[in-house]
């Protein structure tokens, strides 16, 4: 479903991502771990077309992402990719359900239908009773669930999460990772997760270890 081939990204003379290739199958959850500065976030940004590689190819669902014109690339990214970051980036003036509906509005979905779909997605992540709450009225774990619902609301082909539990306590972190597993099992979502937490990475199907811009090891995890 995802194929990244020979990705290279340099800043000055430093190769932050150095000739990295990987494949991810539909419905797979892959974690990427490694020390700070290993190139994990940069790799995720390249896969998600948030940044452009100096060389290499990213293909998602058979589409060569970097061959798309800028507007079509942005539309493809909004429709086929979901992003969850360490900082949830919710709009403080909007309610939970309005935050989740934003990607649908960008796609041109009518307000009533978008709010209905967003409400269903919040129910899926366990926040069916918090639709009208503003981010400031939600706990850190609840805010991250809203961000996850927003990432999933367009039913993307691929969900990319960069340290999604980095700001959460261990109980909430465990709950979020288990939620990813449940969503994959129920809906077939595909996830790439960056984490520093090796215990949580072990919950995923496969772990890639990055160091100095390269994937240096890959291990399958027990189900």
C-alpha atoms as a PDB file:
ATOM      1  CA  UNK A   1       0.000   0.000   0.000  1.00  0.00           C
ATOM      2  CA  UNK A   2       2.938   2.319   0.774  1.00  0.00           C
ATOM      3  CA  UNK A   3       6.250   2.071  -1.023  1.00  0.00           C
ATOM      4  CA  UNK A   4       9.098   4.484  -0.287  1.00  0.00           C
ATOM      5  CA  UNK A   5      12.243   3.977  -2.343  1.00  0.00           C
ATOM      6  CA  UNK A   6      15.745   5.466  -1.860  1.00  0.00           C
ATOM      7  CA  UNK A   7      14.576   8.563   0.023  1.00  0.00           C
ATOM      8  CA  UNK A   8      17.275  11.155   0.562  1.00  0.00           C
ATOM      9  CA  UNK A   9      16.924  14.458   2.424  1.00  0.00           C
ATOM     10  CA  UNK A  10      19.897  16.715   3.108  1.00  0.00           C
ATOM     11  CA  UNK A  11      20.258  19.885   5.128  1.00  0.00           C
ATOM     12  CA  UNK A  12      23.537  21.518   4.094  1.00  0.00           C
ATOM     13  CA  UNK A  13      25.953  18.566   4.010  1.00  0.00           C
ATOM     14  CA  UNK A  14      24.049  16.446   6.535  1.00  0.00           C
ATOM     15  CA  UNK A  15      21.938  13.569   5.206  1.00  0.00           C
ATOM     16  CA  UNK A  16      19.042  13.522   7.678  1.00  0.00           C
ATOM     17  CA  UNK A  17      17.339  10.725   5.735  1.00  0.00           C
ATOM     18  CA  UNK A  18      19.947   8.702   3.890  1.00  0.00           C
ATOM     19  CA  UNK A  19      18.784   6.339   1.125  1.00  0.00           C
ATOM     20  CA  UNK A  20      15.832   4.882   3.067  1.00  0.00           C
ATOM     21  CA  UNK A  21      13.432   2.387   1.509  1.00  0.00           C
ATOM     22  CA  UNK A  22      10.432   0.731   3.141  1.00  0.00           C
ATOM     23  CA  UNK A  23       7.144  -0.939   2.302  1.00  0.00           C
ATOM     24  CA  UNK A  24       4.002  -1.019   4.437  1.00  0.00           C
ATOM     25  CA  UNK A  25       1.054  -3.300   3.742  1.00  0.00           C
ATOM     26  CA  UNK A  26      -2.603  -2.360   4.093  1.00  0.00           C
ATOM     27  CA  UNK A  27      -3.833  -2.858   7.666  1.00  0.00           C
ATOM     28  CA  UNK A  28      -0.320  -3.024   9.092  1.00  0.00           C
ATOM     29  CA  UNK A  29       0.872  -1.026  12.117  1.00  0.00           C
ATOM     30  CA  UNK A  30       4.567  -0.194  11.865  1.00  0.00           C
ATOM     31  CA  UNK A  31       6.522   1.637  14.557  1.00  0.00           C
ATOM     32  CA  UNK A  32       9.742   3.572  14.007  1.00  0.00           C
ATOM     33  CA  UNK A  33      12.071   4.050  16.966  1.00  0.00           C
ATOM     34  CA  UNK A  34      15.544   5.461  17.432  1.00  0.00           C
ATOM     35  CA  UNK A  35      17.433   8.219  19.239  1.00  0.00           C
ATOM     36  CA  UNK A  36      16.630  11.904  18.805  1.00  0.00           C
ATOM     37  CA  UNK A  37      18.144  13.192  15.578  1.00  0.00           C
ATOM     38  CA  UNK A  38      17.974   9.788  13.867  1.00  0.00           C
ATOM     39  CA  UNK A  39      15.728  11.184  11.111  1.00  0.00           C
ATOM     40  CA  UNK A  40      12.428   9.614  12.181  1.00  0.00           C
ATOM     41  CA  UNK A  41      10.240  12.723  11.939  1.00  0.00           C
ATOM     42  CA  UNK A  42      11.873  13.840   8.694  1.00  0.00           C
ATOM     43  CA  UNK A  43      11.177  10.402   7.193  1.00  0.00           C
ATOM     44  CA  UNK A  44       7.535  10.649   8.273  1.00  0.00           C
ATOM     45  CA  UNK A  45       7.251  14.120   6.743  1.00  0.00           C
ATOM     46  CA  UNK A  46       8.637  12.811   3.449  1.00  0.00           C
ATOM     47  CA  UNK A  47       6.250   9.844   3.390  1.00  0.00           C
ATOM     48  CA  UNK A  48       3.370  12.186   4.160  1.00  0.00           C
ATOM     49  CA  UNK A  49       4.418  14.716   1.495  1.00  0.00           C
ATOM     50  CA  UNK A  50       4.753  17.415   4.142  1.00  0.00           C
ATOM     51  CA  UNK A  51       8.314  17.840   2.898  1.00  0.00           C
ATOM     52  CA  UNK A  52       9.955  17.012  -0.420  1.00  0.00           C
ATOM     53  CA  UNK A  53      12.932  14.634  -0.694  1.00  0.00           C
ATOM     54  CA  UNK A  54      16.081  15.566  -2.580  1.00  0.00           C
ATOM     55  CA  UNK A  55      15.652  12.230  -4.346  1.00  0.00           C
ATOM     56  CA  UNK A  56      13.544   9.105  -4.056  1.00  0.00           C
ATOM     57  CA  UNK A  57       9.965   8.012  -4.698  1.00  0.00           C
ATOM     58  CA  UNK A  58       6.879   7.678  -2.473  1.00  0.00           C
ATOM     59  CA  UNK A  59       3.944   5.686  -3.826  1.00  0.00           C
ATOM     60  CA  UNK A  60       0.659   5.390  -1.923  1.00  0.00           C
ATOM     61  CA  UNK A  61      -2.169   3.291  -3.320  1.00  0.00           C
ATOM     62  CA  UNK A  62      -0.289   3.226  -6.625  1.00  0.00           C
ATOM     63  CA  UNK A  63       0.031   7.035  -6.829  1.00  0.00           C
ATOM     64  CA  UNK A  64       3.493   8.585  -7.187  1.00  0.00           C
ATOM     65  CA  UNK A  65       2.875  11.415  -4.704  1.00  0.00           C
ATOM     66  CA  UNK A  66       5.671  13.776  -5.762  1.00  0.00           C
ATOM     67  CA  UNK A  67       4.664  13.665  -9.423  1.00  0.00           C
ATOM     68  CA  UNK A  68       1.324  15.317  -8.564  1.00  0.00           C
ATOM     69  CA  UNK A  69       0.989  19.085  -9.112  1.00  0.00           C
ATOM     70  CA  UNK A  70       0.957  21.067  -5.856  1.00  0.00           C
ATOM     71  CA  UNK A  71      -2.835  21.472  -5.633  1.00  0.00           C
ATOM     72  CA  UNK A  72      -3.534  17.833  -6.465  1.00  0.00           C
ATOM     73  CA  UNK A  73      -0.858  16.756  -4.003  1.00  0.00           C
ATOM     74  CA  UNK A  74      -2.514  18.777  -1.221  1.00  0.00           C
ATOM     75  CA  UNK A  75      -5.900  17.293  -2.097  1.00  0.00           C
ATOM     76  CA  UNK A  76      -4.462  13.773  -2.178  1.00  0.00           C
ATOM     77  CA  UNK A  77      -2.795  14.331   1.200  1.00  0.00           C
ATOM     78  CA  UNK A  78      -6.031  15.584   2.782  1.00  0.00           C
ATOM     79  CA  UNK A  79      -8.011  12.658   1.399  1.00  0.00           C
ATOM     80  CA  UNK A  80      -5.608   9.738   1.710  1.00  0.00           C
ATOM     81  CA  UNK A  81      -3.384  10.609   4.683  1.00  0.00           C
ATOM     82  CA  UNK A  82      -4.146  11.304   8.319  1.00  0.00           C
ATOM     83  CA  UNK A  83      -1.674  12.945  10.699  1.00  0.00           C
ATOM     84  CA  UNK A  84      -1.418  12.834  14.496  1.00  0.00           C
ATOM     85  CA  UNK A  85       1.329  14.822  16.201  1.00  0.00           C
ATOM     86  CA  UNK A  86       2.699  15.046  19.736  1.00  0.00           C
ATOM     87  CA  UNK A  87       0.997  18.430  20.052  1.00  0.00           C
ATOM     88  CA  UNK A  88      -2.607  17.962  18.991  1.00  0.00           C
ATOM     89  CA  UNK A  89      -2.966  21.288  17.113  1.00  0.00           C
ATOM     90  CA  UNK A  90      -6.692  21.582  17.821  1.00  0.00           C
ATOM     91  CA  UNK A  91      -8.374  24.914  17.056  1.00  0.00           C
ATOM     92  CA  UNK A  92      -9.220  26.332  20.508  1.00  0.00           C
ATOM     93  CA  UNK A  93     -12.306  28.260  19.367  1.00  0.00           C
ATOM     94  CA  UNK A  94     -13.966  25.171  17.854  1.00  0.00           C
ATOM     95  CA  UNK A  95     -15.761  22.365  19.659  1.00  0.00           C
ATOM     96  CA  UNK A  96     -14.459  18.792  19.502  1.00  0.00           C
ATOM     97  CA  UNK A  97     -16.903  17.836  16.756  1.00  0.00           C
ATOM     98  CA  UNK A  98     -16.096  20.981  14.731  1.00  0.00           C
ATOM     99  CA  UNK A  99     -12.355  20.248  14.995  1.00  0.00           C
ATOM    100  CA  UNK A 100     -12.932  16.748  13.659  1.00  0.00           C
ATOM    101  CA  UNK A 101     -15.137  18.069  10.837  1.00  0.00           C
ATOM    102  CA  UNK A 102     -12.447  20.459   9.492  1.00  0.00           C
ATOM    103  CA  UNK A 103     -10.878  17.996   6.970  1.00  0.00           C
ATOM    104  CA  UNK A 104     -14.364  17.218   5.617  1.00  0.00           C
ATOM    105  CA  UNK A 105     -15.133  20.919   5.190  1.00  0.00           C
ATOM    106  CA  UNK A 106     -11.838  21.310   3.319  1.00  0.00           C
ATOM    107  CA  UNK A 107     -13.014  18.538   1.002  1.00  0.00           C
ATOM    108  CA  UNK A 108     -16.260  20.436   0.368  1.00  0.00           C
ATOM    109  CA  UNK A 109     -18.587  18.258   2.453  1.00  0.00           C
ATOM    110  CA  UNK A 110     -21.793  20.044   3.578  1.00  0.00           C
ATOM    111  CA  UNK A 111     -21.820  21.239   7.182  1.00  0.00           C
ATOM    112  CA  UNK A 112     -24.655  18.998   8.381  1.00  0.00           C
ATOM    113  CA  UNK A 113     -23.223  15.795   6.901  1.00  0.00           C
ATOM    114  CA  UNK A 114     -19.676  16.683   8.025  1.00  0.00           C
ATOM    115  CA  UNK A 115     -20.845  17.200  11.606  1.00  0.00           C
ATOM    116  CA  UNK A 116     -22.708  13.883  11.521  1.00  0.00           C
ATOM    117  CA  UNK A 117     -19.647  11.973  10.275  1.00  0.00           C
ATOM    118  CA  UNK A 118     -17.402  13.800  12.780  1.00  0.00           C
ATOM    119  CA  UNK A 119     -19.752  12.915  15.634  1.00  0.00           C
ATOM    120  CA  UNK A 120     -19.678   9.249  14.638  1.00  0.00           C
ATOM    121  CA  UNK A 121     -15.898   9.291  14.554  1.00  0.00           C
ATOM    122  CA  UNK A 122     -15.708  10.852  18.023  1.00  0.00           C
ATOM    123  CA  UNK A 123     -18.004   8.092  19.256  1.00  0.00           C
ATOM    124  CA  UNK A 124     -15.636   5.546  17.696  1.00  0.00           C
ATOM    125  CA  UNK A 125     -12.702   6.911  19.733  1.00  0.00           C
ATOM    126  CA  UNK A 126     -14.766   6.973  22.937  1.00  0.00           C
ATOM    127  CA  UNK A 127     -15.761  10.647  23.060  1.00  0.00           C
ATOM    128  CA  UNK A 128     -19.413  10.447  22.042  1.00  0.00           C
ATOM    129  CA  UNK A 129     -20.364  12.450  25.132  1.00  0.00           C
ATOM    130  CA  UNK A 130     -17.830  15.264  24.550  1.00  0.00           C
ATOM    131  CA  UNK A 131     -18.863  16.542  21.109  1.00  0.00           C
ATOM    132  CA  UNK A 132     -19.567  20.132  22.135  1.00  0.00           C
ATOM    133  CA  UNK A 133     -16.631  20.599  24.494  1.00  0.00           C
ATOM    134  CA  UNK A 134     -13.847  22.999  23.524  1.00  0.00           C
ATOM    135  CA  UNK A 135     -10.250  21.709  23.729  1.00  0.00           C
ATOM    136  CA  UNK A 136      -9.661  23.651  26.967  1.00  0.00           C
ATOM    137  CA  UNK A 137     -12.461  21.618  28.559  1.00  0.00           C
ATOM    138  CA  UNK A 138     -10.843  18.278  27.681  1.00  0.00           C
ATOM    139  CA  UNK A 139      -8.007  16.354  29.314  1.00  0.00           C
ATOM    140  CA  UNK A 140      -4.743  15.743  27.462  1.00  0.00           C
ATOM    141  CA  UNK A 141      -5.790  12.208  26.600  1.00  0.00           C
ATOM    142  CA  UNK A 142      -9.189  13.393  25.364  1.00  0.00           C
ATOM    143  CA  UNK A 143      -7.593  16.116  23.235  1.00  0.00           C
ATOM    144  CA  UNK A 144      -5.356  13.530  21.583  1.00  0.00           C
ATOM    145  CA  UNK A 145      -8.396  11.331  20.891  1.00  0.00           C
ATOM    146  CA  UNK A 146     -10.014  14.312  19.156  1.00  0.00           C
ATOM    147  CA  UNK A 147      -6.834  14.709  17.075  1.00  0.00           C
ATOM    148  CA  UNK A 148      -6.964  10.998  16.196  1.00  0.00           C
ATOM    149  CA  UNK A 149     -10.633  11.271  15.198  1.00  0.00           C
ATOM    150  CA  UNK A 150      -9.745  14.260  12.983  1.00  0.00           C
ATOM    151  CA  UNK A 151      -6.943  12.237  11.349  1.00  0.00           C
ATOM    152  CA  UNK A 152      -9.326   9.357  10.620  1.00  0.00           C
ATOM    153  CA  UNK A 153     -12.464  11.226   9.594  1.00  0.00           C
ATOM    154  CA  UNK A 154     -11.738  11.106   5.843  1.00  0.00           C
ATOM    155  CA  UNK A 155     -11.038   7.349   6.080  1.00  0.00           C
ATOM    156  CA  UNK A 156      -7.437   7.811   4.890  1.00  0.00           C
ATOM    157  CA  UNK A 157      -5.323   5.069   3.353  1.00  0.00           C
ATOM    158  CA  UNK A 158      -2.483   5.788   5.761  1.00  0.00           C
ATOM    159  CA  UNK A 159      -2.332   7.341   9.236  1.00  0.00           C
ATOM    160  CA  UNK A 160       1.005   8.750  10.408  1.00  0.00           C
ATOM    161  CA  UNK A 161       1.566   9.527  14.074  1.00  0.00           C
ATOM    162  CA  UNK A 162       4.658  11.350  15.333  1.00  0.00           C
ATOM    163  CA  UNK A 163       5.137  10.771  19.079  1.00  0.00           C
ATOM    164  CA  UNK A 164       1.340  10.695  19.560  1.00  0.00           C
ATOM    165  CA  UNK A 165       1.682   9.811  23.251  1.00  0.00           C
ATOM    166  CA  UNK A 166       4.761  11.920  24.019  1.00  0.00           C
ATOM    167  CA  UNK A 167       2.816  14.370  26.199  1.00  0.00           C
ATOM    168  CA  UNK A 168       0.655  11.762  27.963  1.00  0.00           C
ATOM    169  CA  UNK A 169       1.122   9.822  31.175  1.00  0.00           C
ATOM    170  CA  UNK A 170       1.776   6.093  30.909  1.00  0.00           C
ATOM    171  CA  UNK A 171      -1.876   5.044  31.386  1.00  0.00           C
ATOM    172  CA  UNK A 172      -3.147   7.409  28.675  1.00  0.00           C
ATOM    173  CA  UNK A 173      -0.246   6.453  26.396  1.00  0.00           C
ATOM    174  CA  UNK A 174      -1.130   2.777  26.740  1.00  0.00           C
ATOM    175  CA  UNK A 175      -4.810   3.556  26.052  1.00  0.00           C
ATOM    176  CA  UNK A 176      -3.972   5.512  22.879  1.00  0.00           C
ATOM    177  CA  UNK A 177      -1.773   2.741  21.493  1.00  0.00           C
ATOM    178  CA  UNK A 178      -4.468   0.162  22.250  1.00  0.00           C
ATOM    179  CA  UNK A 179      -6.959   2.443  20.475  1.00  0.00           C
ATOM    180  CA  UNK A 180      -4.775   2.345  17.343  1.00  0.00           C
ATOM    181  CA  UNK A 181      -4.843  -1.459  17.474  1.00  0.00           C
ATOM    182  CA  UNK A 182      -8.630  -1.504  17.895  1.00  0.00           C
ATOM    183  CA  UNK A 183      -9.136   0.905  14.991  1.00  0.00           C
ATOM    184  CA  UNK A 184      -6.884  -1.189  12.756  1.00  0.00           C
ATOM    185  CA  UNK A 185      -8.711  -4.399  13.694  1.00  0.00           C
ATOM    186  CA  UNK A 186     -12.173  -2.859  13.252  1.00  0.00           C
ATOM    187  CA  UNK A 187     -11.674  -0.663  10.176  1.00  0.00           C
ATOM    188  CA  UNK A 188      -8.431  -1.854   8.557  1.00  0.00           C
ATOM    189  CA  UNK A 189      -6.544   1.426   8.975  1.00  0.00           C
ATOM    190  CA  UNK A 190      -2.809   1.408   8.255  1.00  0.00           C
ATOM    191  CA  UNK A 191      -0.550   3.178  10.766  1.00  0.00           C
ATOM    192  CA  UNK A 192       3.051   4.337  10.910  1.00  0.00           C
ATOM    193  CA  UNK A 193       3.946   5.392  14.463  1.00  0.00           C
ATOM    194  CA  UNK A 194       7.058   7.179  15.694  1.00  0.00           C
ATOM    195  CA  UNK A 195       7.689   6.636  19.382  1.00  0.00           C
ATOM    196  CA  UNK A 196      10.488   6.638  21.947  1.00  0.00           C
ATOM    197  CA  UNK A 197       8.569   4.092  24.021  1.00  0.00           C
ATOM    198  CA  UNK A 198       9.891   0.635  23.165  1.00  0.00           C
ATOM    199  CA  UNK A 199       7.228  -1.135  25.229  1.00  0.00           C
ATOM    200  CA  UNK A 200       4.497   0.583  23.217  1.00  0.00           C
ATOM    201  CA  UNK A 201       6.367  -0.024  19.948  1.00  0.00           C
ATOM    202  CA  UNK A 202       6.312  -3.733  20.803  1.00  0.00           C
ATOM    203  CA  UNK A 203       2.497  -3.646  20.511  1.00  0.00           C
ATOM    204  CA  UNK A 204       2.801  -2.931  16.767  1.00  0.00           C
ATOM    205  CA  UNK A 205       3.226  -5.525  14.020  1.00  0.00           C
ATOM    206  CA  UNK A 206       6.748  -4.495  13.084  1.00  0.00           C
ATOM    207  CA  UNK A 207       9.392  -2.119  14.437  1.00  0.00           C
ATOM    208  CA  UNK A 208      11.965  -0.280  12.338  1.00  0.00           C
ATOM    209  CA  UNK A 209      15.010   1.099  14.155  1.00  0.00           C
ATOM    210  CA  UNK A 210      16.594   4.268  12.746  1.00  0.00           C
ATOM    211  CA  UNK A 211      20.031   5.632  13.421  1.00  0.00           C
ATOM    212  CA  UNK A 212      21.962   8.383  11.610  1.00  0.00           C
ATOM    213  CA  UNK A 213      19.353   8.735   8.870  1.00  0.00           C
ATOM    214  CA  UNK A 214      19.139   5.029   8.036  1.00  0.00           C
ATOM    215  CA  UNK A 215      16.941   2.088   8.976  1.00  0.00           C
ATOM    216  CA  UNK A 216      19.521  -0.147  10.638  1.00  0.00           C
ATOM    217  CA  UNK A 217      17.284  -2.929  11.937  1.00  0.00           C
ATOM    218  CA  UNK A 218      13.804  -4.356  11.486  1.00  0.00           C
ATOM    219  CA  UNK A 219      12.037  -6.730  13.832  1.00  0.00           C
ATOM    220  CA  UNK A 220       8.663  -8.444  13.788  1.00  0.00           C
ATOM    221  CA  UNK A 221       6.736  -8.193  17.044  1.00  0.00           C
ATOM    222  CA  UNK A 222       4.714 -10.969  18.613  1.00  0.00           C
ATOM    223  CA  UNK A 223       0.950 -10.574  18.243  1.00  0.00           C
END
